[in-house]
Amino acid sequence: MDKASGLLNKHYRVEVVFLFLGGDHSITYASIKALRRVSNDDFGLIYFDAHPDPYFQYGGDKYSHTCTVRRLVEEGLIGGDEVIEIGIRAPTKEQVEFAKKTGIKMISTPEIRLNPYIKPSFTKAYMSIDLDVPDSAFASGVGNPESGG
């Protein structure tokens, strides 16, 4: 058992809300993996990001922040139909195809403006927020800014 899972195992209780802060979306992978190890809870993933992050690898790293969603789905930590990505505005053709194949729901910024109500199929959720989801005019210090948030 890794250190994160050990700490969660020691402190995990169903009625507690956990907050994981830091870095980039690679913390999402580690946090969900640890939560899955210590709980029997079913939960989905609500993923606020300008980028959908399903690359197979990035710079030779399969666990890069750009691969988070793909690793979670391929390793069975989250089902594709349990992932809702909100604010997506820079997907590639391959990323859209991966989402369709695995059941990931991508909601673009214009779509969320037209219909801000989302009804997930799950009752509990892990929420991950990338600071590039707002317009880059409001969050200019991010590593991969995208306008139109």
C-alpha atoms as a PDB file:
ATOM      1  CA  MET A   1       0.000   0.000   0.000  1.00  0.00           C
ATOM      2  CA  ASP A   2       1.399   3.404  -0.957  1.00  0.00           C
ATOM      3  CA  LYS A   3       1.688   6.301   1.504  1.00  0.00           C
ATOM      4  CA  ALA A   4      -1.437   8.129   0.259  1.00  0.00           C
ATOM      5  CA  SER A   5      -3.588   4.998   0.543  1.00  0.00           C
ATOM      6  CA  GLY A   6      -2.199   4.296   4.002  1.00  0.00           C
ATOM      7  CA  LEU A   7      -3.127   7.779   5.246  1.00  0.00           C
ATOM      8  CA  LEU A   8      -6.587   7.571   3.725  1.00  0.00           C
ATOM      9  CA  ASN A   9      -7.140   4.096   5.121  1.00  0.00           C
ATOM     10  CA  LYS A  10      -6.319   5.404   8.597  1.00  0.00           C
ATOM     11  CA  HIS A  11      -8.673   8.402   8.339  1.00  0.00           C
ATOM     12  CA  TYR A  12     -11.368   7.329   5.858  1.00  0.00           C
ATOM     13  CA  ARG A  13     -14.984   7.607   6.975  1.00  0.00           C
ATOM     14  CA  VAL A  14     -18.007   7.694   4.683  1.00  0.00           C
ATOM     15  CA  GLU A  15     -19.392  10.901   6.199  1.00  0.00           C
ATOM     16  CA  VAL A  16     -16.174  12.886   5.706  1.00  0.00           C
ATOM     17  CA  VAL A  17     -15.588  15.158   2.722  1.00  0.00           C
ATOM     18  CA  PHE A  18     -11.994  15.061   1.520  1.00  0.00           C
ATOM     19  CA  LEU A  19     -10.186  17.943  -0.139  1.00  0.00           C
ATOM     20  CA  PHE A  20      -7.067  17.280  -2.197  1.00  0.00           C
ATOM     21  CA  LEU A  21      -5.149  20.360  -3.329  1.00  0.00           C
ATOM     22  CA  GLY A  22      -2.116  20.838  -5.449  1.00  0.00           C
ATOM     23  CA  GLY A  23      -0.277  20.688  -8.666  1.00  0.00           C
ATOM     24  CA  ASP A  24      -1.999  19.553 -11.800  1.00  0.00           C
ATOM     25  CA  HIS A  25      -4.463  16.810 -12.702  1.00  0.00           C
ATOM     26  CA  SER A  26      -1.920  14.092 -11.923  1.00  0.00           C
ATOM     27  CA  ILE A  27      -3.040  14.511  -8.288  1.00  0.00           C
ATOM     28  CA  THR A  28      -6.517  13.452  -9.471  1.00  0.00           C
ATOM     29  CA  TYR A  29      -5.176  10.090 -10.604  1.00  0.00           C
ATOM     30  CA  ALA A  30      -3.334   9.465  -7.320  1.00  0.00           C
ATOM     31  CA  SER A  31      -6.239  10.658  -5.163  1.00  0.00           C
ATOM     32  CA  ILE A  32      -8.869   8.549  -6.937  1.00  0.00           C
ATOM     33  CA  LYS A  33      -6.608   5.506  -6.868  1.00  0.00           C
ATOM     34  CA  ALA A  34      -6.140   5.926  -3.108  1.00  0.00           C
ATOM     35  CA  LEU A  35      -9.869   6.473  -2.517  1.00  0.00           C
ATOM     36  CA  ARG A  36     -10.707   3.323  -4.493  1.00  0.00           C
ATOM     37  CA  ARG A  37      -8.278   1.303  -2.364  1.00  0.00           C
ATOM     38  CA  VAL A  38      -9.822   2.322   0.950  1.00  0.00           C
ATOM     39  CA  SER A  39     -13.518   2.588   0.136  1.00  0.00           C
ATOM     40  CA  ASN A  40     -16.284   0.608  -1.454  1.00  0.00           C
ATOM     41  CA  ASP A  41     -17.985   3.818  -2.508  1.00  0.00           C
ATOM     42  CA  ASP A  42     -19.153   4.312  -6.049  1.00  0.00           C
ATOM     43  CA  PHE A  43     -18.456   7.781  -7.342  1.00  0.00           C
ATOM     44  CA  GLY A  44     -18.100   9.577 -10.619  1.00  0.00           C
ATOM     45  CA  LEU A  45     -15.647  12.192 -11.816  1.00  0.00           C
ATOM     46  CA  ILE A  46     -16.620  15.779 -12.581  1.00  0.00           C
ATOM     47  CA  TYR A  47     -13.656  17.241 -14.418  1.00  0.00           C
ATOM     48  CA  PHE A  48     -13.500  20.985 -15.072  1.00  0.00           C
ATOM     49  CA  ASP A  49     -10.831  21.613 -17.700  1.00  0.00           C
ATOM     50  CA  ALA A  50     -10.247  23.243 -21.072  1.00  0.00           C
ATOM     51  CA  HIS A  51      -8.482  20.022 -22.156  1.00  0.00           C
ATOM     52  CA  PRO A  52      -9.961  16.508 -21.908  1.00  0.00           C
ATOM     53  CA  ASP A  53      -6.637  14.820 -20.914  1.00  0.00           C
ATOM     54  CA  PRO A  54      -6.952  11.366 -22.497  1.00  0.00           C
ATOM     55  CA  TYR A  55      -3.514  11.186 -24.126  1.00  0.00           C
ATOM     56  CA  PHE A  56      -1.917   7.740 -24.113  1.00  0.00           C
ATOM     57  CA  GLN A  57       1.366   9.328 -23.060  1.00  0.00           C
ATOM     58  CA  TYR A  58       2.987  12.742 -23.076  1.00  0.00           C
ATOM     59  CA  GLY A  59       6.741  13.167 -23.319  1.00  0.00           C
ATOM     60  CA  GLY A  60       7.110   9.438 -22.704  1.00  0.00           C
ATOM     61  CA  ASP A  61       5.133   9.612 -19.431  1.00  0.00           C
ATOM     62  CA  LYS A  62       1.885   7.579 -19.240  1.00  0.00           C
ATOM     63  CA  TYR A  63       1.035   9.279 -15.929  1.00  0.00           C
ATOM     64  CA  SER A  64       1.445  12.865 -17.123  1.00  0.00           C
ATOM     65  CA  HIS A  65      -1.284  15.373 -16.249  1.00  0.00           C
ATOM     66  CA  THR A  66      -2.402  15.110 -19.888  1.00  0.00           C
ATOM     67  CA  CYS A  67      -3.110  11.383 -19.483  1.00  0.00           C
ATOM     68  CA  THR A  68      -5.126  11.447 -16.254  1.00  0.00           C
ATOM     69  CA  VAL A  69      -8.575  10.633 -17.627  1.00  0.00           C
ATOM     70  CA  ARG A  70      -7.276   7.893 -19.911  1.00  0.00           C
ATOM     71  CA  ARG A  71      -5.360   6.184 -17.057  1.00  0.00           C
ATOM     72  CA  LEU A  72      -8.374   6.327 -14.752  1.00  0.00           C
ATOM     73  CA  VAL A  73     -10.658   4.787 -17.373  1.00  0.00           C
ATOM     74  CA  GLU A  74      -8.219   2.219 -18.781  1.00  0.00           C
ATOM     75  CA  GLU A  75      -7.204   1.032 -15.309  1.00  0.00           C
ATOM     76  CA  GLY A  76     -10.849   0.672 -14.274  1.00  0.00           C
ATOM     77  CA  LEU A  77     -10.650   3.246 -11.485  1.00  0.00           C
ATOM     78  CA  ILE A  78     -13.521   5.210 -13.066  1.00  0.00           C
ATOM     79  CA  GLY A  79     -15.896   4.022 -15.773  1.00  0.00           C
ATOM     80  CA  GLY A  80     -16.003   6.218 -18.857  1.00  0.00           C
ATOM     81  CA  ASP A  81     -19.739   6.652 -18.354  1.00  0.00           C
ATOM     82  CA  GLU A  82     -18.932   8.014 -14.864  1.00  0.00           C
ATOM     83  CA  VAL A  83     -16.864  10.923 -16.251  1.00  0.00           C
ATOM     84  CA  ILE A  84     -18.287  14.340 -17.052  1.00  0.00           C
ATOM     85  CA  GLU A  85     -15.797  16.841 -18.452  1.00  0.00           C
ATOM     86  CA  ILE A  86     -16.955  20.469 -18.318  1.00  0.00           C
ATOM     87  CA  GLY A  87     -15.473  23.475 -20.109  1.00  0.00           C
ATOM     88  CA  ILE A  88     -13.722  21.478 -22.831  1.00  0.00           C
ATOM     89  CA  ARG A  89     -12.668  23.727 -25.688  1.00  0.00           C
ATOM     90  CA  ALA A  90      -9.422  22.317 -27.067  1.00  0.00           C
ATOM     91  CA  PRO A  91     -10.004  18.623 -27.850  1.00  0.00           C
ATOM     92  CA  THR A  92      -8.294  16.800 -30.684  1.00  0.00           C
ATOM     93  CA  LYS A  93     -10.141  14.420 -33.014  1.00  0.00           C
ATOM     94  CA  GLU A  94      -8.527  11.434 -31.263  1.00  0.00           C
ATOM     95  CA  GLN A  95      -9.618  12.721 -27.842  1.00  0.00           C
ATOM     96  CA  VAL A  96     -13.221  13.109 -28.986  1.00  0.00           C
ATOM     97  CA  GLU A  97     -13.128   9.576 -30.431  1.00  0.00           C
ATOM     98  CA  PHE A  98     -11.745   8.174 -27.145  1.00  0.00           C
ATOM     99  CA  ALA A  99     -14.536   9.927 -25.227  1.00  0.00           C
ATOM    100  CA  LYS A 100     -17.207   8.514 -27.538  1.00  0.00           C
ATOM    101  CA  LYS A 101     -15.715   5.005 -27.387  1.00  0.00           C
ATOM    102  CA  THR A 102     -15.551   4.960 -23.577  1.00  0.00           C
ATOM    103  CA  GLY A 103     -18.744   6.904 -22.759  1.00  0.00           C
ATOM    104  CA  ILE A 104     -17.056  10.030 -21.391  1.00  0.00           C
ATOM    105  CA  LYS A 105     -19.387  13.015 -21.566  1.00  0.00           C
ATOM    106  CA  MET A 106     -17.625  16.159 -22.828  1.00  0.00           C
ATOM    107  CA  ILE A 107     -19.426  19.456 -22.359  1.00  0.00           C
ATOM    108  CA  SER A 108     -17.931  22.483 -24.086  1.00  0.00           C
ATOM    109  CA  THR A 109     -18.000  26.003 -22.702  1.00  0.00           C
ATOM    110  CA  PRO A 110     -20.697  27.129 -25.196  1.00  0.00           C
ATOM    111  CA  GLU A 111     -22.818  24.077 -24.300  1.00  0.00           C
ATOM    112  CA  ILE A 112     -22.629  24.774 -20.568  1.00  0.00           C
ATOM    113  CA  ARG A 113     -23.631  28.395 -21.186  1.00  0.00           C
ATOM    114  CA  LEU A 114     -26.730  27.232 -23.081  1.00  0.00           C
ATOM    115  CA  ASN A 115     -27.688  24.616 -20.496  1.00  0.00           C
ATOM    116  CA  PRO A 116     -25.951  25.026 -17.126  1.00  0.00           C
ATOM    117  CA  TYR A 117     -27.866  22.109 -15.551  1.00  0.00           C
ATOM    118  CA  ILE A 118     -26.157  18.743 -15.614  1.00  0.00           C
ATOM    119  CA  LYS A 119     -27.751  15.639 -14.166  1.00  0.00           C
ATOM    120  CA  PRO A 120     -25.059  13.033 -13.531  1.00  0.00           C
ATOM    121  CA  SER A 121     -25.920   9.340 -13.322  1.00  0.00           C
ATOM    122  CA  PHE A 122     -23.972   9.065 -10.048  1.00  0.00           C
ATOM    123  CA  THR A 123     -24.795  10.385  -6.566  1.00  0.00           C
ATOM    124  CA  LYS A 124     -21.238  10.889  -5.239  1.00  0.00           C
ATOM    125  CA  ALA A 125     -18.461  12.611  -7.124  1.00  0.00           C
ATOM    126  CA  TYR A 126     -14.789  13.441  -7.116  1.00  0.00           C
ATOM    127  CA  MET A 127     -14.439  16.925  -8.569  1.00  0.00           C
ATOM    128  CA  SER A 128     -11.227  18.112 -10.195  1.00  0.00           C
ATOM    129  CA  ILE A 129     -10.799  21.726 -11.279  1.00  0.00           C
ATOM    130  CA  ASP A 130      -8.059  22.924 -13.613  1.00  0.00           C
ATOM    131  CA  LEU A 131      -7.417  26.653 -13.487  1.00  0.00           C
ATOM    132  CA  ASP A 132      -7.448  26.829 -17.283  1.00  0.00           C
ATOM    133  CA  VAL A 133     -11.224  26.327 -17.295  1.00  0.00           C
ATOM    134  CA  PRO A 134     -11.892  30.078 -16.853  1.00  0.00           C
ATOM    135  CA  ASP A 135     -10.898  32.378 -19.671  1.00  0.00           C
ATOM    136  CA  SER A 136      -7.150  32.999 -19.756  1.00  0.00           C
ATOM    137  CA  ALA A 137      -7.824  36.693 -19.102  1.00  0.00           C
ATOM    138  CA  PHE A 138      -8.899  35.670 -15.578  1.00  0.00           C
ATOM    139  CA  ALA A 139      -6.370  32.894 -14.985  1.00  0.00           C
ATOM    140  CA  SER A 140      -3.325  33.937 -16.953  1.00  0.00           C
ATOM    141  CA  GLY A 141      -0.691  32.091 -14.942  1.00  0.00           C
ATOM    142  CA  VAL A 142      -1.678  28.564 -16.014  1.00  0.00           C
ATOM    143  CA  GLY A 143       0.636  26.353 -18.047  1.00  0.00           C
ATOM    144  CA  ASN A 144      -1.738  25.796 -20.986  1.00  0.00           C
ATOM    145  CA  PRO A 145      -4.114  28.766 -21.201  1.00  0.00           C
ATOM    146  CA  GLU A 146      -7.135  28.624 -23.520  1.00  0.00           C
ATOM    147  CA  SER A 147      -9.304  31.606 -24.353  1.00  0.00           C
ATOM    148  CA  GLY A 148     -13.066  31.396 -24.304  1.00  0.00           C
ATOM    149  CA  GLY A 149     -13.645  30.013 -20.816  1.00  0.00           C
END
